[in-house]
Amino acid sequence: MTTPSGKILHPSKGRCWALSKATFESYRAQGRIWFGKGGDSQPNVIRYLSEVEGMVPWTWWPHEEVGHTDESKKEIYAILGQDIDFATPKPSRLIERILQIATKPGDIVLDSFAGSGTTGHAVLNLNKANADKSPRQFVLVELEPKISKAITAERVRRVAHGYTTPKGEAIEGLGGGFRYCELGEPLFEEGGHIRATVSFADLARHVYFTETGEPLPRERISKTPLLGIFRGVAVYLLYNGILGDKTVNGGNVLTRSILAKLPPFKGQKIIYCAGCLLGHDRLHTEKIIIRQTPYEIKVS
């Protein structure tokens, strides 16, 4: 092809026209082919932002836009005080930029090395800035107990609800919140059976959470197989002799006599048990759904 300067260009070895000649000439007539400042360079098609899906981010992010190490330390000191011992926090503006690029509203962000809680802070910042859109959620994992409570969780709590800096400045909370959970002992053996050491309270918490998506309040873990009523459905667990029978598997199988001992509920009932000796008609009449342990206990 001949450039505007009169220079004749030939394709390099192994190359050919990227566009049809008709399309190229159409773009050229529209002024959408650029031959460089001197008019004699390899041609490029001019594209506008309105015609493409987003932009490829620059690989160089200046600290004026995403912060730096000194800023991140001052940030965490302002939130938690000068006595905080955490050597390598990340600036929340940096993580926020990453989330803007890599996630969209409504996504769940997992940080398996939560550290100083910067990811949670950044998510809350984004949610406040985009209050008209579906909020992002976060899951933060920190294996060091001293860090998880005193730094990770405390930082997220303060930025969510508001705090006062060491200089006495009151900072408004970003809103939102979180639930703090700790790992318990494994419930299952490698073969899928419930460990013999698992208590009723341990299994009750797990069963109730997987059934409802809500934690079982501590005050409701009692000496009754009725774990609670959630959205009109009663959740029961027969396990570990909860009804007083301490023999092996005592009271863990739903029978007529066991059913008569359960705290009454007239609506729908879900009963976790090792087995059931009631017929289909009786279960239908009593509005009972059976979940057999351990096979129907969710572990994912």
C-alpha atoms as a PDB file:
ATOM      1  CA  MET A   1       0.000   0.000   0.000  1.00  0.00           C
ATOM      2  CA  THR A   2       1.035   3.607  -0.449  1.00  0.00           C
ATOM      3  CA  THR A   3       1.102   5.862   2.602  1.00  0.00           C
ATOM      4  CA  PRO A   4       0.079   9.554   2.547  1.00  0.00           C
ATOM      5  CA  SER A   5       3.778  10.469   2.345  1.00  0.00           C
ATOM      6  CA  GLY A   6       4.185   8.356  -0.796  1.00  0.00           C
ATOM      7  CA  LYS A   7       6.086   5.556   0.903  1.00  0.00           C
ATOM      8  CA  ILE A   8       5.194   2.072  -0.311  1.00  0.00           C
ATOM      9  CA  LEU A   9       4.696  -0.512   2.425  1.00  0.00           C
ATOM     10  CA  HIS A  10       4.895  -4.265   1.964  1.00  0.00           C
ATOM     11  CA  PRO A  11       3.634  -6.810   4.508  1.00  0.00           C
ATOM     12  CA  SER A  12       6.310  -8.527   6.533  1.00  0.00           C
ATOM     13  CA  LYS A  13       7.031 -12.195   5.852  1.00  0.00           C
ATOM     14  CA  GLY A  14       4.095 -14.397   6.781  1.00  0.00           C
ATOM     15  CA  ARG A  15       1.689 -11.459   7.071  1.00  0.00           C
ATOM     16  CA  CYS A  16      -1.212 -10.349   4.886  1.00  0.00           C
ATOM     17  CA  TRP A  17      -4.046  -7.816   4.953  1.00  0.00           C
ATOM     18  CA  ALA A  18      -5.731  -7.795   8.381  1.00  0.00           C
ATOM     19  CA  LEU A  19      -8.803  -6.182   6.815  1.00  0.00           C
ATOM     20  CA  SER A  20     -10.384  -6.660   3.437  1.00  0.00           C
ATOM     21  CA  LYS A  21      -9.282  -4.021   0.958  1.00  0.00           C
ATOM     22  CA  ALA A  22     -12.819  -2.632   0.770  1.00  0.00           C
ATOM     23  CA  THR A  23     -13.028  -2.260   4.564  1.00  0.00           C
ATOM     24  CA  PHE A  24      -9.577  -0.663   4.683  1.00  0.00           C
ATOM     25  CA  GLU A  25     -10.476   1.868   2.005  1.00  0.00           C
ATOM     26  CA  SER A  26     -13.751   2.633   3.802  1.00  0.00           C
ATOM     27  CA  TYR A  27     -11.907   3.311   7.077  1.00  0.00           C
ATOM     28  CA  ARG A  28      -9.341   5.396   5.215  1.00  0.00           C
ATOM     29  CA  ALA A  29     -12.063   7.524   3.647  1.00  0.00           C
ATOM     30  CA  GLN A  30     -13.523   8.103   7.136  1.00  0.00           C
ATOM     31  CA  GLY A  31     -10.146   9.251   8.454  1.00  0.00           C
ATOM     32  CA  ARG A  32      -9.873   6.228  10.729  1.00  0.00           C
ATOM     33  CA  ILE A  33      -6.535   4.931   9.475  1.00  0.00           C
ATOM     34  CA  TRP A  34      -3.474   6.428  11.164  1.00  0.00           C
ATOM     35  CA  PHE A  35      -0.062   6.225   9.497  1.00  0.00           C
ATOM     36  CA  GLY A  36       1.875   7.783  12.362  1.00  0.00           C
ATOM     37  CA  LYS A  37       3.022  11.354  12.887  1.00  0.00           C
ATOM     38  CA  GLY A  38       5.042  11.417   9.671  1.00  0.00           C
ATOM     39  CA  GLY A  39       2.383   9.698   7.604  1.00  0.00           C
ATOM     40  CA  ASP A  40       4.724   6.880   6.578  1.00  0.00           C
ATOM     41  CA  SER A  41       4.401   4.276   9.347  1.00  0.00           C
ATOM     42  CA  GLN A  42       2.587   0.945   9.569  1.00  0.00           C
ATOM     43  CA  PRO A  43      -1.138   1.816   9.495  1.00  0.00           C
ATOM     44  CA  ASN A  44      -3.387   1.377  12.530  1.00  0.00           C
ATOM     45  CA  VAL A  45      -7.161   1.499  12.825  1.00  0.00           C
ATOM     46  CA  ILE A  46      -8.455   4.283  15.068  1.00  0.00           C
ATOM     47  CA  ARG A  47     -10.956   2.879  17.592  1.00  0.00           C
ATOM     48  CA  TYR A  48     -13.042   4.867  20.054  1.00  0.00           C
ATOM     49  CA  LEU A  49     -13.905   3.895  23.626  1.00  0.00           C
ATOM     50  CA  SER A  50     -17.601   3.808  22.770  1.00  0.00           C
ATOM     51  CA  GLU A  51     -16.854   0.970  20.338  1.00  0.00           C
ATOM     52  CA  VAL A  52     -14.849  -1.333  22.607  1.00  0.00           C
ATOM     53  CA  GLU A  53     -15.671  -3.189  25.823  1.00  0.00           C
ATOM     54  CA  GLY A  54     -13.614  -1.389  28.438  1.00  0.00           C
ATOM     55  CA  MET A  55      -9.899  -0.685  28.405  1.00  0.00           C
ATOM     56  CA  VAL A  56      -6.840  -2.802  29.024  1.00  0.00           C
ATOM     57  CA  PRO A  57      -5.375  -1.462  32.298  1.00  0.00           C
ATOM     58  CA  TRP A  58      -1.928   0.034  32.326  1.00  0.00           C
ATOM     59  CA  THR A  59       0.737  -2.122  33.940  1.00  0.00           C
ATOM     60  CA  TRP A  60       2.184   0.960  35.624  1.00  0.00           C
ATOM     61  CA  TRP A  61       0.035   2.324  38.428  1.00  0.00           C
ATOM     62  CA  PRO A  62       1.392   5.574  39.887  1.00  0.00           C
ATOM     63  CA  HIS A  63       1.318   5.924  43.672  1.00  0.00           C
ATOM     64  CA  GLU A  64      -0.756   9.081  43.329  1.00  0.00           C
ATOM     65  CA  GLU A  65      -3.619   6.824  42.227  1.00  0.00           C
ATOM     66  CA  VAL A  66      -3.150   3.603  44.224  1.00  0.00           C
ATOM     67  CA  GLY A  67      -1.034   4.594  47.220  1.00  0.00           C
ATOM     68  CA  HIS A  68       2.291   3.286  48.530  1.00  0.00           C
ATOM     69  CA  THR A  69       3.782   1.477  51.529  1.00  0.00           C
ATOM     70  CA  ASP A  70       4.123   4.586  53.686  1.00  0.00           C
ATOM     71  CA  GLU A  71       0.487   5.491  53.034  1.00  0.00           C
ATOM     72  CA  SER A  72      -0.699   1.991  53.947  1.00  0.00           C
ATOM     73  CA  LYS A  73       1.130   2.110  57.289  1.00  0.00           C
ATOM     74  CA  LYS A  74      -0.322   5.518  58.121  1.00  0.00           C
ATOM     75  CA  GLU A  75      -3.742   4.202  57.122  1.00  0.00           C
ATOM     76  CA  ILE A  76      -3.658   1.236  59.496  1.00  0.00           C
ATOM     77  CA  TYR A  77      -2.109   3.329  62.303  1.00  0.00           C
ATOM     78  CA  ALA A  78      -4.989   5.796  61.998  1.00  0.00           C
ATOM     79  CA  ILE A  79      -7.496   2.959  62.310  1.00  0.00           C
ATOM     80  CA  LEU A  80      -5.868   0.745  64.959  1.00  0.00           C
ATOM     81  CA  GLY A  81      -3.280   2.971  66.619  1.00  0.00           C
ATOM     82  CA  GLN A  82       0.506   3.210  66.601  1.00  0.00           C
ATOM     83  CA  ASP A  83       0.980   0.065  68.697  1.00  0.00           C
ATOM     84  CA  ILE A  84      -0.189  -2.190  65.897  1.00  0.00           C
ATOM     85  CA  ASP A  85       2.492  -4.652  64.822  1.00  0.00           C
ATOM     86  CA  PHE A  86       2.003  -5.452  61.150  1.00  0.00           C
ATOM     87  CA  ALA A  87       4.956  -4.896  58.851  1.00  0.00           C
ATOM     88  CA  THR A  88       3.502  -5.144  55.354  1.00  0.00           C
ATOM     89  CA  PRO A  89      -0.044  -3.783  55.010  1.00  0.00           C
ATOM     90  CA  LYS A  90      -1.277  -2.942  51.521  1.00  0.00           C
ATOM     91  CA  PRO A  91      -2.859   0.426  50.697  1.00  0.00           C
ATOM     92  CA  SER A  92      -6.623   0.056  50.419  1.00  0.00           C
ATOM     93  CA  ARG A  93      -6.588   2.163  47.239  1.00  0.00           C
ATOM     94  CA  LEU A  94      -4.408  -0.465  45.546  1.00  0.00           C
ATOM     95  CA  ILE A  95      -6.725  -3.351  46.416  1.00  0.00           C
ATOM     96  CA  GLU A  96      -9.717  -1.226  45.478  1.00  0.00           C
ATOM     97  CA  ARG A  97      -8.253  -0.647  42.003  1.00  0.00           C
ATOM     98  CA  ILE A  98      -7.687  -4.396  41.575  1.00  0.00           C
ATOM     99  CA  LEU A  99     -11.271  -5.108  42.605  1.00  0.00           C
ATOM    100  CA  GLN A 100     -12.599  -2.491  40.179  1.00  0.00           C
ATOM    101  CA  ILE A 101     -10.839  -4.305  37.345  1.00  0.00           C
ATOM    102  CA  ALA A 102     -11.268  -7.945  38.371  1.00  0.00           C
ATOM    103  CA  THR A 103     -14.753  -7.989  39.916  1.00  0.00           C
ATOM    104  CA  LYS A 104     -18.224  -6.638  39.307  1.00  0.00           C
ATOM    105  CA  PRO A 105     -21.079  -5.630  41.653  1.00  0.00           C
ATOM    106  CA  GLY A 106     -22.572  -8.626  43.440  1.00  0.00           C
ATOM    107  CA  ASP A 107     -19.384 -10.712  43.321  1.00  0.00           C
ATOM    108  CA  ILE A 108     -17.909 -12.503  46.339  1.00  0.00           C
ATOM    109  CA  VAL A 109     -14.231 -11.711  46.949  1.00  0.00           C
ATOM    110  CA  LEU A 110     -12.089 -14.370  48.665  1.00  0.00           C
ATOM    111  CA  ASP A 111      -8.828 -13.373  50.350  1.00  0.00           C
ATOM    112  CA  SER A 112      -7.202 -16.480  51.815  1.00  0.00           C
ATOM    113  CA  PHE A 113      -4.331 -14.468  53.345  1.00  0.00           C
ATOM    114  CA  ALA A 114      -6.345 -11.641  54.886  1.00  0.00           C
ATOM    115  CA  GLY A 115      -3.588 -10.164  57.051  1.00  0.00           C
ATOM    116  CA  SER A 116      -4.415  -6.585  57.981  1.00  0.00           C
ATOM    117  CA  GLY A 117      -7.903  -6.781  56.437  1.00  0.00           C
ATOM    118  CA  THR A 118      -7.200  -4.433  53.540  1.00  0.00           C
ATOM    119  CA  THR A 119      -9.390  -6.464  51.179  1.00  0.00           C
ATOM    120  CA  GLY A 120     -12.417  -6.165  53.452  1.00  0.00           C
ATOM    121  CA  HIS A 121     -11.735  -2.428  53.810  1.00  0.00           C
ATOM    122  CA  ALA A 122     -11.503  -2.027  50.022  1.00  0.00           C
ATOM    123  CA  VAL A 123     -14.744  -3.936  49.413  1.00  0.00           C
ATOM    124  CA  LEU A 124     -16.619  -1.729  51.888  1.00  0.00           C
ATOM    125  CA  ASN A 125     -15.167   1.356  50.194  1.00  0.00           C
ATOM    126  CA  LEU A 126     -16.397   0.162  46.806  1.00  0.00           C
ATOM    127  CA  ASN A 127     -19.830  -0.679  48.159  1.00  0.00           C
ATOM    128  CA  LYS A 128     -20.252   2.798  49.605  1.00  0.00           C
ATOM    129  CA  ALA A 129     -19.062   4.430  46.378  1.00  0.00           C
ATOM    130  CA  ASN A 130     -21.491   2.285  44.368  1.00  0.00           C
ATOM    131  CA  ALA A 131     -24.453   2.284  46.737  1.00  0.00           C
ATOM    132  CA  ASP A 132     -26.894   2.100  43.827  1.00  0.00           C
ATOM    133  CA  LYS A 133     -25.480  -1.261  42.694  1.00  0.00           C
ATOM    134  CA  SER A 134     -25.500  -4.761  44.174  1.00  0.00           C
ATOM    135  CA  PRO A 135     -22.861  -4.830  46.936  1.00  0.00           C
ATOM    136  CA  ARG A 136     -19.792  -6.999  46.719  1.00  0.00           C
ATOM    137  CA  GLN A 137     -19.231  -9.464  49.558  1.00  0.00           C
ATOM    138  CA  PHE A 138     -15.990 -10.750  51.016  1.00  0.00           C
ATOM    139  CA  VAL A 139     -14.627 -13.846  52.724  1.00  0.00           C
ATOM    140  CA  LEU A 140     -11.406 -13.214  54.641  1.00  0.00           C
ATOM    141  CA  VAL A 141      -9.276 -16.092  55.930  1.00  0.00           C
ATOM    142  CA  GLU A 142      -6.486 -15.542  58.465  1.00  0.00           C
ATOM    143  CA  LEU A 143      -4.843 -18.531  60.172  1.00  0.00           C
ATOM    144  CA  GLU A 144      -2.970 -16.594  62.867  1.00  0.00           C
ATOM    145  CA  PRO A 145      -5.435 -16.149  65.792  1.00  0.00           C
ATOM    146  CA  LYS A 146      -3.743 -13.042  67.204  1.00  0.00           C
ATOM    147  CA  ILE A 147      -3.872 -11.310  63.835  1.00  0.00           C
ATOM    148  CA  SER A 148      -7.375 -12.441  62.876  1.00  0.00           C
ATOM    149  CA  LYS A 149      -9.046 -10.984  65.984  1.00  0.00           C
ATOM    150  CA  ALA A 150      -6.927  -7.992  66.920  1.00  0.00           C
ATOM    151  CA  ILE A 151      -6.083  -6.765  63.427  1.00  0.00           C
ATOM    152  CA  THR A 152      -8.131  -8.294  60.589  1.00  0.00           C
ATOM    153  CA  ALA A 153     -11.564  -8.359  62.223  1.00  0.00           C
ATOM    154  CA  GLU A 154     -11.012  -5.234  64.311  1.00  0.00           C
ATOM    155  CA  ARG A 155      -9.984  -3.155  61.315  1.00  0.00           C
ATOM    156  CA  VAL A 156     -13.007  -4.226  59.264  1.00  0.00           C
ATOM    157  CA  ARG A 157     -15.295  -3.618  62.246  1.00  0.00           C
ATOM    158  CA  ARG A 158     -13.965  -0.091  62.761  1.00  0.00           C
ATOM    159  CA  VAL A 159     -14.097   0.999  59.129  1.00  0.00           C
ATOM    160  CA  ALA A 160     -17.624  -0.410  58.855  1.00  0.00           C
ATOM    161  CA  HIS A 161     -19.015   1.244  61.994  1.00  0.00           C
ATOM    162  CA  GLY A 162     -16.743   4.282  62.324  1.00  0.00           C
ATOM    163  CA  TYR A 163     -13.789   5.063  64.570  1.00  0.00           C
ATOM    164  CA  THR A 164     -11.741   7.853  66.109  1.00  0.00           C
ATOM    165  CA  THR A 165      -8.130   8.341  65.021  1.00  0.00           C
ATOM    166  CA  PRO A 166      -5.288   8.766  67.549  1.00  0.00           C
ATOM    167  CA  LYS A 167      -5.481  12.505  66.753  1.00  0.00           C
ATOM    168  CA  GLY A 168      -9.117  12.610  67.832  1.00  0.00           C
ATOM    169  CA  GLU A 169     -10.670  12.843  64.369  1.00  0.00           C
ATOM    170  CA  ALA A 170     -14.023  11.054  64.091  1.00  0.00           C
ATOM    171  CA  ILE A 171     -14.232   8.949  60.922  1.00  0.00           C
ATOM    172  CA  GLU A 172     -17.669   7.983  59.654  1.00  0.00           C
ATOM    173  CA  GLY A 173     -18.291   4.289  59.083  1.00  0.00           C
ATOM    174  CA  LEU A 174     -18.542   2.895  55.573  1.00  0.00           C
ATOM    175  CA  GLY A 175     -21.521   0.736  56.464  1.00  0.00           C
ATOM    176  CA  GLY A 176     -21.898  -2.992  56.012  1.00  0.00           C
ATOM    177  CA  GLY A 177     -20.719  -5.659  58.393  1.00  0.00           C
ATOM    178  CA  PHE A 178     -19.384  -9.180  58.703  1.00  0.00           C
ATOM    179  CA  ARG A 179     -19.627 -12.389  60.688  1.00  0.00           C
ATOM    180  CA  TYR A 180     -16.547 -13.663  62.552  1.00  0.00           C
ATOM    181  CA  CYS A 181     -16.184 -17.464  62.560  1.00  0.00           C
ATOM    182  CA  GLU A 182     -13.542 -19.846  63.874  1.00  0.00           C
ATOM    183  CA  LEU A 183     -12.632 -23.308  62.640  1.00  0.00           C
ATOM    184  CA  GLY A 184     -13.860 -26.161  64.814  1.00  0.00           C
ATOM    185  CA  GLU A 185     -12.698 -29.745  64.994  1.00  0.00           C
ATOM    186  CA  PRO A 186     -13.347 -31.856  61.859  1.00  0.00           C
ATOM    187  CA  LEU A 187     -16.798 -33.449  61.970  1.00  0.00           C
ATOM    188  CA  PHE A 188     -16.073 -36.361  59.670  1.00  0.00           C
ATOM    189  CA  GLU A 189     -13.544 -39.157  59.340  1.00  0.00           C
ATOM    190  CA  GLU A 190     -11.891 -39.878  56.006  1.00  0.00           C
ATOM    191  CA  GLY A 191     -14.540 -42.508  55.255  1.00  0.00           C
ATOM    192  CA  GLY A 192     -17.326 -39.966  55.688  1.00  0.00           C
ATOM    193  CA  HIS A 193     -18.553 -41.136  59.094  1.00  0.00           C
ATOM    194  CA  ILE A 194     -19.127 -38.672  61.910  1.00  0.00           C
ATOM    195  CA  ARG A 195     -16.239 -38.693  64.370  1.00  0.00           C
ATOM    196  CA  ALA A 196     -17.039 -40.369  67.671  1.00  0.00           C
ATOM    197  CA  THR A 197     -15.733 -37.314  69.542  1.00  0.00           C
ATOM    198  CA  VAL A 198     -18.178 -34.898  67.884  1.00  0.00           C
ATOM    199  CA  SER A 199     -20.617 -33.519  70.444  1.00  0.00           C
ATOM    200  CA  PHE A 200     -24.307 -32.825  69.901  1.00  0.00           C
ATOM    201  CA  ALA A 201     -23.618 -29.078  70.081  1.00  0.00           C
ATOM    202  CA  ASP A 202     -20.930 -29.294  67.375  1.00  0.00           C
ATOM    203  CA  LEU A 203     -23.125 -31.211  64.962  1.00  0.00           C
ATOM    204  CA  ALA A 204     -26.155 -29.064  65.812  1.00  0.00           C
ATOM    205  CA  ARG A 205     -24.313 -25.898  64.796  1.00  0.00           C
ATOM    206  CA  HIS A 206     -23.244 -27.461  61.518  1.00  0.00           C
ATOM    207  CA  VAL A 207     -26.659 -28.929  60.686  1.00  0.00           C
ATOM    208  CA  TYR A 208     -28.530 -25.719  61.459  1.00  0.00           C
ATOM    209  CA  PHE A 209     -26.152 -23.542  59.464  1.00  0.00           C
ATOM    210  CA  THR A 210     -26.158 -25.777  56.377  1.00  0.00           C
ATOM    211  CA  GLU A 211     -29.954 -26.062  56.526  1.00  0.00           C
ATOM    212  CA  THR A 212     -30.722 -22.376  57.065  1.00  0.00           C
ATOM    213  CA  GLY A 213     -27.599 -20.395  56.201  1.00  0.00           C
ATOM    214  CA  GLU A 214     -27.765 -18.808  59.657  1.00  0.00           C
ATOM    215  CA  PRO A 215     -25.646 -19.553  62.761  1.00  0.00           C
ATOM    216  CA  LEU A 216     -27.316 -21.360  65.634  1.00  0.00           C
ATOM    217  CA  PRO A 217     -27.427 -18.940  68.605  1.00  0.00           C
ATOM    218  CA  ARG A 218     -25.562 -20.247  71.623  1.00  0.00           C
ATOM    219  CA  GLU A 219     -28.590 -19.924  73.890  1.00  0.00           C
ATOM    220  CA  ARG A 220     -30.561 -22.279  71.641  1.00  0.00           C
ATOM    221  CA  ILE A 221     -28.098 -25.169  71.960  1.00  0.00           C
ATOM    222  CA  SER A 222     -29.833 -27.044  74.758  1.00  0.00           C
ATOM    223  CA  LYS A 223     -30.905 -30.529  75.744  1.00  0.00           C
ATOM    224  CA  THR A 224     -33.584 -30.741  73.093  1.00  0.00           C
ATOM    225  CA  PRO A 225     -33.438 -32.095  69.546  1.00  0.00           C
ATOM    226  CA  LEU A 226     -35.399 -29.066  68.284  1.00  0.00           C
ATOM    227  CA  LEU A 227     -32.651 -26.756  67.049  1.00  0.00           C
ATOM    228  CA  GLY A 228     -34.966 -23.967  65.985  1.00  0.00           C
ATOM    229  CA  ILE A 229     -37.697 -22.802  63.642  1.00  0.00           C
ATOM    230  CA  PHE A 230     -36.561 -20.999  60.510  1.00  0.00           C
ATOM    231  CA  ARG A 231     -39.064 -19.446  58.087  1.00  0.00           C
ATOM    232  CA  GLY A 232     -41.835 -21.676  59.332  1.00  0.00           C
ATOM    233  CA  VAL A 233     -39.821 -24.918  59.258  1.00  0.00           C
ATOM    234  CA  ALA A 234     -38.671 -26.710  62.424  1.00  0.00           C
ATOM    235  CA  VAL A 235     -35.198 -28.287  62.313  1.00  0.00           C
ATOM    236  CA  TYR A 236     -34.516 -31.302  64.559  1.00  0.00           C
ATOM    237  CA  LEU A 237     -31.389 -33.375  65.197  1.00  0.00           C
ATOM    238  CA  LEU A 238     -31.316 -36.860  66.706  1.00  0.00           C
ATOM    239  CA  TYR A 239     -27.739 -37.541  67.729  1.00  0.00           C
ATOM    240  CA  ASN A 240     -25.572 -38.645  70.626  1.00  0.00           C
ATOM    241  CA  GLY A 241     -28.413 -39.739  72.889  1.00  0.00           C
ATOM    242  CA  ILE A 242     -29.994 -36.289  72.999  1.00  0.00           C
ATOM    243  CA  LEU A 243     -33.227 -37.829  74.336  1.00  0.00           C
ATOM    244  CA  GLY A 244     -31.469 -39.586  77.189  1.00  0.00           C
ATOM    245  CA  ASP A 245     -30.648 -42.994  75.687  1.00  0.00           C
ATOM    246  CA  LYS A 246     -26.872 -43.324  76.001  1.00  0.00           C
ATOM    247  CA  THR A 247     -26.587 -46.697  74.264  1.00  0.00           C
ATOM    248  CA  VAL A 248     -24.857 -46.901  70.882  1.00  0.00           C
ATOM    249  CA  ASN A 249     -27.051 -44.942  68.432  1.00  0.00           C
ATOM    250  CA  GLY A 250     -29.621 -44.600  71.198  1.00  0.00           C
ATOM    251  CA  GLY A 251     -32.470 -42.370  70.110  1.00  0.00           C
ATOM    252  CA  ASN A 252     -30.798 -41.556  66.809  1.00  0.00           C
ATOM    253  CA  VAL A 253     -33.374 -43.506  64.759  1.00  0.00           C
ATOM    254  CA  LEU A 254     -36.812 -41.965  64.276  1.00  0.00           C
ATOM    255  CA  THR A 255     -39.492 -44.347  65.561  1.00  0.00           C
ATOM    256  CA  ARG A 256     -43.063 -43.826  66.771  1.00  0.00           C
ATOM    257  CA  SER A 257     -41.897 -43.600  70.380  1.00  0.00           C
ATOM    258  CA  ILE A 258     -39.086 -41.184  69.522  1.00  0.00           C
ATOM    259  CA  LEU A 259     -41.470 -39.018  67.492  1.00  0.00           C
ATOM    260  CA  ALA A 260     -43.784 -38.801  70.513  1.00  0.00           C
ATOM    261  CA  LYS A 261     -40.890 -37.458  72.610  1.00  0.00           C
ATOM    262  CA  LEU A 262     -39.952 -34.666  70.211  1.00  0.00           C
ATOM    263  CA  PRO A 263     -40.965 -31.091  71.063  1.00  0.00           C
ATOM    264  CA  PRO A 264     -44.204 -30.591  69.096  1.00  0.00           C
ATOM    265  CA  PHE A 265     -44.559 -28.403  66.030  1.00  0.00           C
ATOM    266  CA  LYS A 266     -47.592 -28.341  63.732  1.00  0.00           C
ATOM    267  CA  GLY A 267     -45.835 -27.129  60.600  1.00  0.00           C
ATOM    268  CA  GLN A 268     -43.167 -28.542  58.298  1.00  0.00           C
ATOM    269  CA  LYS A 269     -40.410 -30.459  60.089  1.00  0.00           C
ATOM    270  CA  ILE A 270     -36.925 -31.478  58.935  1.00  0.00           C
ATOM    271  CA  ILE A 271     -35.417 -34.243  61.078  1.00  0.00           C
ATOM    272  CA  TYR A 272     -31.767 -35.284  60.863  1.00  0.00           C
ATOM    273  CA  CYS A 273     -31.402 -38.860  62.112  1.00  0.00           C
ATOM    274  CA  ALA A 274     -29.409 -42.055  61.565  1.00  0.00           C
ATOM    275  CA  GLY A 275     -32.484 -43.851  60.234  1.00  0.00           C
ATOM    276  CA  CYS A 276     -36.280 -43.830  60.094  1.00  0.00           C
ATOM    277  CA  LEU A 277     -38.792 -46.611  60.827  1.00  0.00           C
ATOM    278  CA  LEU A 278     -41.880 -44.563  59.995  1.00  0.00           C
ATOM    279  CA  GLY A 279     -43.795 -45.218  56.795  1.00  0.00           C
ATOM    280  CA  HIS A 280     -44.267 -42.755  53.958  1.00  0.00           C
ATOM    281  CA  ASP A 281     -47.896 -42.051  54.865  1.00  0.00           C
ATOM    282  CA  ARG A 282     -47.036 -41.230  58.492  1.00  0.00           C
ATOM    283  CA  LEU A 283     -44.215 -38.942  57.421  1.00  0.00           C
ATOM    284  CA  HIS A 284     -46.560 -37.162  55.010  1.00  0.00           C
ATOM    285  CA  THR A 285     -49.227 -36.765  57.693  1.00  0.00           C
ATOM    286  CA  GLU A 286     -46.708 -35.407  60.210  1.00  0.00           C
ATOM    287  CA  LYS A 287     -45.156 -33.091  57.554  1.00  0.00           C
ATOM    288  CA  ILE A 288     -41.715 -34.618  58.119  1.00  0.00           C
ATOM    289  CA  ILE A 289     -38.734 -34.523  55.764  1.00  0.00           C
ATOM    290  CA  ILE A 290     -35.957 -36.961  56.719  1.00  0.00           C
ATOM    291  CA  ARG A 291     -32.281 -36.105  56.328  1.00  0.00           C
ATOM    292  CA  GLN A 292     -30.199 -39.193  57.046  1.00  0.00           C
ATOM    293  CA  THR A 293     -26.923 -38.691  58.898  1.00  0.00           C
ATOM    294  CA  PRO A 294     -24.149 -38.649  57.928  1.00  0.00           C
ATOM    295  CA  TYR A 295     -25.011 -39.017  54.236  1.00  0.00           C
ATOM    296  CA  GLU A 296     -27.258 -35.977  53.860  1.00  0.00           C
ATOM    297  CA  ILE A 297     -25.188 -33.591  55.951  1.00  0.00           C
ATOM    298  CA  LYS A 298     -23.600 -31.047  53.675  1.00  0.00           C
ATOM    299  CA  VAL A 299     -19.845 -30.793  54.037  1.00  0.00           C
ATOM    300  CA  SER A 300     -19.047 -28.388  51.213  1.00  0.00           C
END
